[in-house]
Amino acid sequence: SKYGGVDYSSGKSPSSSSLAVDGKATMAVVTLVLAIDGDSTKISRNINSISDVEEALRRIASDAKVDDCLQSVEILWTPEDRGETLSFRDVLADYPELRSV
């Protein structure tokens, strides 16, 4: 992409031999930070399901395509390292207002 991101559209995923699988279940918290010029996207504050998240992302994507107004995107996730785990208790302690979808 013109933003220097990674293109995963080929459908190829890392081989199972390249992934460290230790059998521990973990949760993940993903945060998207967007800088959009002149954004007037209206997103519901009641996001309670995966379909609500998908609809919000669709609205952002369609508005960001107009006049190249998307300036930057940052994707943050926790846990950051492959060997780390994040329990439900950790999520509640670190993100008390987060809602599970």
N, C-alpha and C. Protein backbone atom coordinates (compact mmCIF):
# COMPACT_ATOMS: atom_id res chain seq x y z
N SER A 1 0.83 -1.18 0.00
CA SER A 1 0.00 0.00 0.00
C SER A 1 0.87 1.24 0.00
N LYS A 2 0.28 2.36 -0.28
CA LYS A 2 1.05 3.60 -0.31
C LYS A 2 1.45 4.07 1.08
N TYR A 3 0.92 3.42 2.12
CA TYR A 3 1.24 3.79 3.49
C TYR A 3 2.34 2.92 4.08
N GLY A 4 2.90 2.02 3.28
CA GLY A 4 4.01 1.19 3.75
C GLY A 4 3.58 0.04 4.63
N GLY A 5 2.32 -0.33 4.57
CA GLY A 5 1.82 -1.43 5.40
C GLY A 5 2.11 -2.77 4.75
N VAL A 6 1.68 -3.82 5.40
CA VAL A 6 1.86 -5.18 4.91
C VAL A 6 0.58 -5.60 4.21
N ASP A 7 0.70 -6.21 3.04
CA ASP A 7 -0.46 -6.66 2.27
C ASP A 7 -0.72 -8.13 2.55
N TYR A 8 -1.82 -8.42 3.23
CA TYR A 8 -2.19 -9.79 3.53
C TYR A 8 -3.25 -10.32 2.58
N SER A 9 -3.54 -9.60 1.52
CA SER A 9 -4.63 -9.98 0.63
C SER A 9 -4.35 -11.23 -0.18
N SER A 10 -3.12 -11.71 -0.22
CA SER A 10 -2.81 -12.91 -0.99
C SER A 10 -3.41 -14.15 -0.35
N GLY A 11 -3.84 -14.03 0.91
CA GLY A 11 -4.44 -15.17 1.59
C GLY A 11 -3.43 -16.12 2.19
N LYS A 12 -2.15 -15.87 1.99
CA LYS A 12 -1.13 -16.74 2.57
C LYS A 12 -0.97 -16.42 4.04
N SER A 13 -0.87 -17.44 4.85
CA SER A 13 -0.63 -17.24 6.28
C SER A 13 0.70 -17.89 6.63
N PRO A 14 1.29 -17.47 7.75
CA PRO A 14 2.55 -18.08 8.14
C PRO A 14 2.38 -19.59 8.30
N SER A 15 3.40 -20.34 7.97
CA SER A 15 3.30 -21.79 8.11
C SER A 15 3.24 -22.15 9.57
N SER A 16 2.61 -23.27 9.87
CA SER A 16 2.45 -23.68 11.26
C SER A 16 3.80 -23.94 11.91
N SER A 17 4.81 -24.29 11.15
CA SER A 17 6.13 -24.53 11.73
C SER A 17 6.80 -23.24 12.17
N SER A 18 6.36 -22.08 11.62
CA SER A 18 6.97 -20.82 11.99
C SER A 18 6.30 -20.19 13.20
N LEU A 19 5.20 -20.79 13.68
CA LEU A 19 4.50 -20.26 14.84
C LEU A 19 4.84 -21.06 16.07
N ALA A 20 5.11 -20.37 17.17
CA ALA A 20 5.38 -21.05 18.43
C ALA A 20 4.05 -21.35 19.10
N VAL A 21 3.71 -22.60 19.23
CA VAL A 21 2.46 -22.98 19.86
C VAL A 21 2.80 -23.66 21.17
N ASP A 22 2.39 -23.03 22.27
CA ASP A 22 2.69 -23.61 23.56
C ASP A 22 1.44 -24.09 24.28
N GLY A 23 0.28 -24.00 23.63
CA GLY A 23 -0.94 -24.53 24.21
C GLY A 23 -1.65 -23.59 25.16
N LYS A 24 -1.11 -22.42 25.46
CA LYS A 24 -1.75 -21.48 26.37
C LYS A 24 -2.77 -20.64 25.62
N ALA A 25 -3.96 -20.56 26.18
CA ALA A 25 -4.98 -19.69 25.60
C ALA A 25 -4.68 -18.26 26.03
N THR A 26 -4.95 -17.32 25.17
CA THR A 26 -4.73 -15.91 25.51
C THR A 26 -5.79 -15.05 24.85
N MET A 27 -5.95 -13.86 25.38
CA MET A 27 -6.84 -12.87 24.81
C MET A 27 -5.97 -11.84 24.12
N ALA A 28 -6.59 -11.00 23.31
CA ALA A 28 -5.86 -9.92 22.66
C ALA A 28 -6.72 -8.66 22.70
N VAL A 29 -6.05 -7.52 22.89
CA VAL A 29 -6.70 -6.22 22.81
C VAL A 29 -6.06 -5.51 21.64
N VAL A 30 -6.89 -5.11 20.67
CA VAL A 30 -6.40 -4.44 19.47
C VAL A 30 -6.97 -3.02 19.45
N THR A 31 -6.08 -2.05 19.22
CA THR A 31 -6.48 -0.65 19.17
C THR A 31 -6.09 -0.07 17.82
N LEU A 32 -7.02 0.61 17.17
CA LEU A 32 -6.76 1.30 15.91
C LEU A 32 -6.78 2.80 16.18
N VAL A 33 -5.71 3.48 15.77
CA VAL A 33 -5.62 4.93 15.89
C VAL A 33 -5.56 5.48 14.47
N LEU A 34 -6.54 6.33 14.10
CA LEU A 34 -6.63 6.85 12.74
C LEU A 34 -6.53 8.37 12.75
N ALA A 35 -5.83 8.92 11.78
CA ALA A 35 -5.80 10.36 11.55
C ALA A 35 -6.40 10.60 10.17
N ILE A 36 -7.58 11.24 10.17
CA ILE A 36 -8.32 11.47 8.93
C ILE A 36 -8.64 12.95 8.84
N ASP A 37 -8.26 13.60 7.74
CA ASP A 37 -8.56 15.02 7.53
C ASP A 37 -10.05 15.20 7.26
N GLY A 38 -10.66 16.14 7.97
CA GLY A 38 -12.05 16.50 7.70
C GLY A 38 -13.05 15.39 7.90
N ASP A 39 -12.75 14.47 8.78
CA ASP A 39 -13.62 13.32 8.98
C ASP A 39 -14.97 13.74 9.58
N SER A 40 -16.03 13.26 8.97
CA SER A 40 -17.38 13.48 9.51
C SER A 40 -18.10 12.15 9.68
N THR A 41 -17.35 11.09 9.84
CA THR A 41 -17.91 9.75 9.99
C THR A 41 -18.74 9.67 11.27
N LYS A 42 -19.93 9.19 11.14
CA LYS A 42 -20.81 9.00 12.30
C LYS A 42 -20.80 7.51 12.65
N ILE A 43 -20.26 7.22 13.83
CA ILE A 43 -20.18 5.84 14.30
C ILE A 43 -20.96 5.72 15.60
N SER A 44 -21.75 4.68 15.70
CA SER A 44 -22.52 4.45 16.91
C SER A 44 -21.59 4.24 18.10
N ARG A 45 -21.95 4.79 19.23
CA ARG A 45 -21.17 4.58 20.46
C ARG A 45 -21.55 3.26 21.11
N ASN A 46 -22.55 2.60 20.58
CA ASN A 46 -23.00 1.31 21.12
C ASN A 46 -22.49 0.17 20.26
N ILE A 47 -21.22 -0.14 20.39
CA ILE A 47 -20.63 -1.25 19.65
C ILE A 47 -20.58 -2.44 20.60
N ASN A 48 -21.43 -3.43 20.30
CA ASN A 48 -21.60 -4.55 21.21
C ASN A 48 -21.36 -5.91 20.57
N SER A 49 -21.04 -5.93 19.28
CA SER A 49 -20.87 -7.20 18.60
C SER A 49 -19.85 -7.06 17.47
N ILE A 50 -19.43 -8.18 16.95
CA ILE A 50 -18.50 -8.18 15.82
C ILE A 50 -19.13 -7.47 14.63
N SER A 51 -20.42 -7.67 14.40
CA SER A 51 -21.07 -7.00 13.26
C SER A 51 -21.07 -5.48 13.44
N ASP A 52 -21.19 -4.99 14.69
CA ASP A 52 -21.10 -3.55 14.94
C ASP A 52 -19.70 -3.03 14.63
N VAL A 53 -18.68 -3.79 15.00
CA VAL A 53 -17.29 -3.42 14.70
C VAL A 53 -17.08 -3.38 13.19
N GLU A 54 -17.57 -4.41 12.49
CA GLU A 54 -17.43 -4.46 11.04
C GLU A 54 -18.11 -3.27 10.37
N GLU A 55 -19.31 -2.91 10.84
CA GLU A 55 -20.03 -1.77 10.26
C GLU A 55 -19.27 -0.47 10.50
N ALA A 56 -18.73 -0.29 11.69
CA ALA A 56 -17.95 0.92 11.99
C ALA A 56 -16.72 0.99 11.10
N LEU A 57 -16.02 -0.13 10.92
CA LEU A 57 -14.83 -0.14 10.05
C LEU A 57 -15.20 0.12 8.60
N ARG A 58 -16.36 -0.40 8.14
CA ARG A 58 -16.83 -0.12 6.78
C ARG A 58 -17.07 1.37 6.58
N ARG A 59 -17.70 2.00 7.55
CA ARG A 59 -17.98 3.44 7.44
C ARG A 59 -16.69 4.25 7.41
N ILE A 60 -15.76 3.89 8.28
CA ILE A 60 -14.47 4.58 8.29
C ILE A 60 -13.75 4.40 6.96
N ALA A 61 -13.74 3.17 6.45
CA ALA A 61 -13.04 2.87 5.19
C ALA A 61 -13.66 3.63 4.03
N SER A 62 -14.98 3.68 3.96
CA SER A 62 -15.60 4.37 2.82
C SER A 62 -15.36 5.88 2.90
N ASP A 63 -15.38 6.45 4.09
CA ASP A 63 -15.12 7.88 4.23
C ASP A 63 -13.65 8.21 4.00
N ALA A 64 -12.74 7.32 4.40
CA ALA A 64 -11.30 7.58 4.27
C ALA A 64 -10.84 7.53 2.81
N LYS A 65 -11.61 6.90 1.93
CA LYS A 65 -11.23 6.80 0.52
C LYS A 65 -11.44 8.11 -0.22
N VAL A 66 -12.22 9.01 0.34
CA VAL A 66 -12.55 10.27 -0.31
C VAL A 66 -11.36 11.23 -0.24
N ASP A 67 -10.89 11.67 -1.40
CA ASP A 67 -9.83 12.68 -1.50
C ASP A 67 -8.57 12.36 -0.71
N ASP A 68 -8.23 11.11 -0.58
CA ASP A 68 -7.02 10.71 0.15
C ASP A 68 -6.91 11.39 1.51
N CYS A 69 -8.00 11.41 2.27
CA CYS A 69 -8.00 12.11 3.55
C CYS A 69 -7.37 11.29 4.68
N LEU A 70 -7.10 10.01 4.45
CA LEU A 70 -6.45 9.19 5.47
C LEU A 70 -4.98 9.58 5.56
N GLN A 71 -4.59 10.12 6.69
CA GLN A 71 -3.21 10.58 6.88
C GLN A 71 -2.33 9.51 7.52
N SER A 72 -2.85 8.79 8.50
CA SER A 72 -2.05 7.75 9.12
C SER A 72 -2.94 6.78 9.88
N VAL A 73 -2.40 5.59 10.09
CA VAL A 73 -3.07 4.55 10.87
C VAL A 73 -2.01 3.88 11.73
N GLU A 74 -2.37 3.63 12.96
CA GLU A 74 -1.49 2.87 13.85
C GLU A 74 -2.31 1.75 14.46
N ILE A 75 -1.78 0.55 14.41
CA ILE A 75 -2.44 -0.60 15.01
C ILE A 75 -1.59 -1.06 16.19
N LEU A 76 -2.21 -1.10 17.35
CA LEU A 76 -1.53 -1.52 18.57
C LEU A 76 -2.21 -2.77 19.09
N TRP A 77 -1.44 -3.73 19.58
CA TRP A 77 -2.05 -4.91 20.16
C TRP A 77 -1.28 -5.37 21.39
N THR A 78 -2.05 -5.97 22.27
CA THR A 78 -1.51 -6.54 23.49
C THR A 78 -2.08 -7.94 23.61
N PRO A 79 -1.30 -8.94 23.90
CA PRO A 79 0.12 -8.91 24.20
C PRO A 79 0.94 -8.71 22.94
N GLU A 80 2.09 -8.10 23.11
CA GLU A 80 2.93 -7.73 21.98
C GLU A 80 3.83 -8.87 21.53
N ASP A 81 4.42 -9.59 22.46
CA ASP A 81 5.35 -10.66 22.11
C ASP A 81 4.64 -12.00 21.99
N ARG A 82 5.14 -12.84 21.11
CA ARG A 82 4.54 -14.14 20.82
C ARG A 82 4.42 -15.02 22.06
N GLY A 83 5.37 -14.94 22.97
CA GLY A 83 5.36 -15.81 24.15
C GLY A 83 4.52 -15.29 25.30
N GLU A 84 4.02 -14.06 25.20
CA GLU A 84 3.22 -13.49 26.28
C GLU A 84 1.77 -13.96 26.21
N THR A 85 1.12 -13.97 27.35
CA THR A 85 -0.30 -14.27 27.39
C THR A 85 -1.02 -13.15 28.11
N LEU A 86 -2.30 -13.03 27.83
CA LEU A 86 -3.14 -12.01 28.44
C LEU A 86 -4.41 -12.71 28.91
N SER A 87 -4.62 -12.75 30.21
CA SER A 87 -5.79 -13.43 30.76
C SER A 87 -6.98 -12.47 30.84
N PHE A 88 -8.14 -13.03 31.05
CA PHE A 88 -9.34 -12.22 31.21
C PHE A 88 -9.17 -11.28 32.39
N ARG A 89 -8.56 -11.76 33.46
CA ARG A 89 -8.32 -10.93 34.64
C ARG A 89 -7.39 -9.76 34.31
N ASP A 90 -6.35 -10.02 33.50
CA ASP A 90 -5.44 -8.95 33.06
C ASP A 90 -6.20 -7.87 32.28
N VAL A 91 -7.08 -8.31 31.40
CA VAL A 91 -7.86 -7.37 30.58
C VAL A 91 -8.75 -6.52 31.47
N LEU A 92 -9.42 -7.14 32.43
CA LEU A 92 -10.28 -6.38 33.34
C LEU A 92 -9.49 -5.36 34.15
N ALA A 93 -8.29 -5.74 34.58
CA ALA A 93 -7.47 -4.83 35.38
C ALA A 93 -6.92 -3.68 34.55
N ASP A 94 -6.45 -3.97 33.35
CA ASP A 94 -5.80 -2.96 32.52
C ASP A 94 -6.77 -2.12 31.69
N TYR A 95 -7.93 -2.68 31.35
CA TYR A 95 -8.92 -2.01 30.49
C TYR A 95 -10.30 -2.13 31.12
N PRO A 96 -10.57 -1.47 32.25
CA PRO A 96 -11.82 -1.68 32.97
C PRO A 96 -13.08 -1.28 32.18
N GLU A 97 -12.97 -0.39 31.21
CA GLU A 97 -14.15 0.05 30.46
C GLU A 97 -14.31 -0.68 29.13
N LEU A 98 -13.41 -1.60 28.84
CA LEU A 98 -13.47 -2.33 27.58
C LEU A 98 -14.62 -3.33 27.60
N ARG A 99 -15.33 -3.39 26.46
CA ARG A 99 -16.41 -4.36 26.32
C ARG A 99 -15.98 -5.45 25.36
N SER A 100 -16.27 -6.67 25.71
CA SER A 100 -15.92 -7.81 24.86
C SER A 100 -16.91 -7.93 23.71
N VAL A 101 -16.38 -8.12 22.49
CA VAL A 101 -17.25 -8.36 21.34
C VAL A 101 -16.88 -9.70 20.78
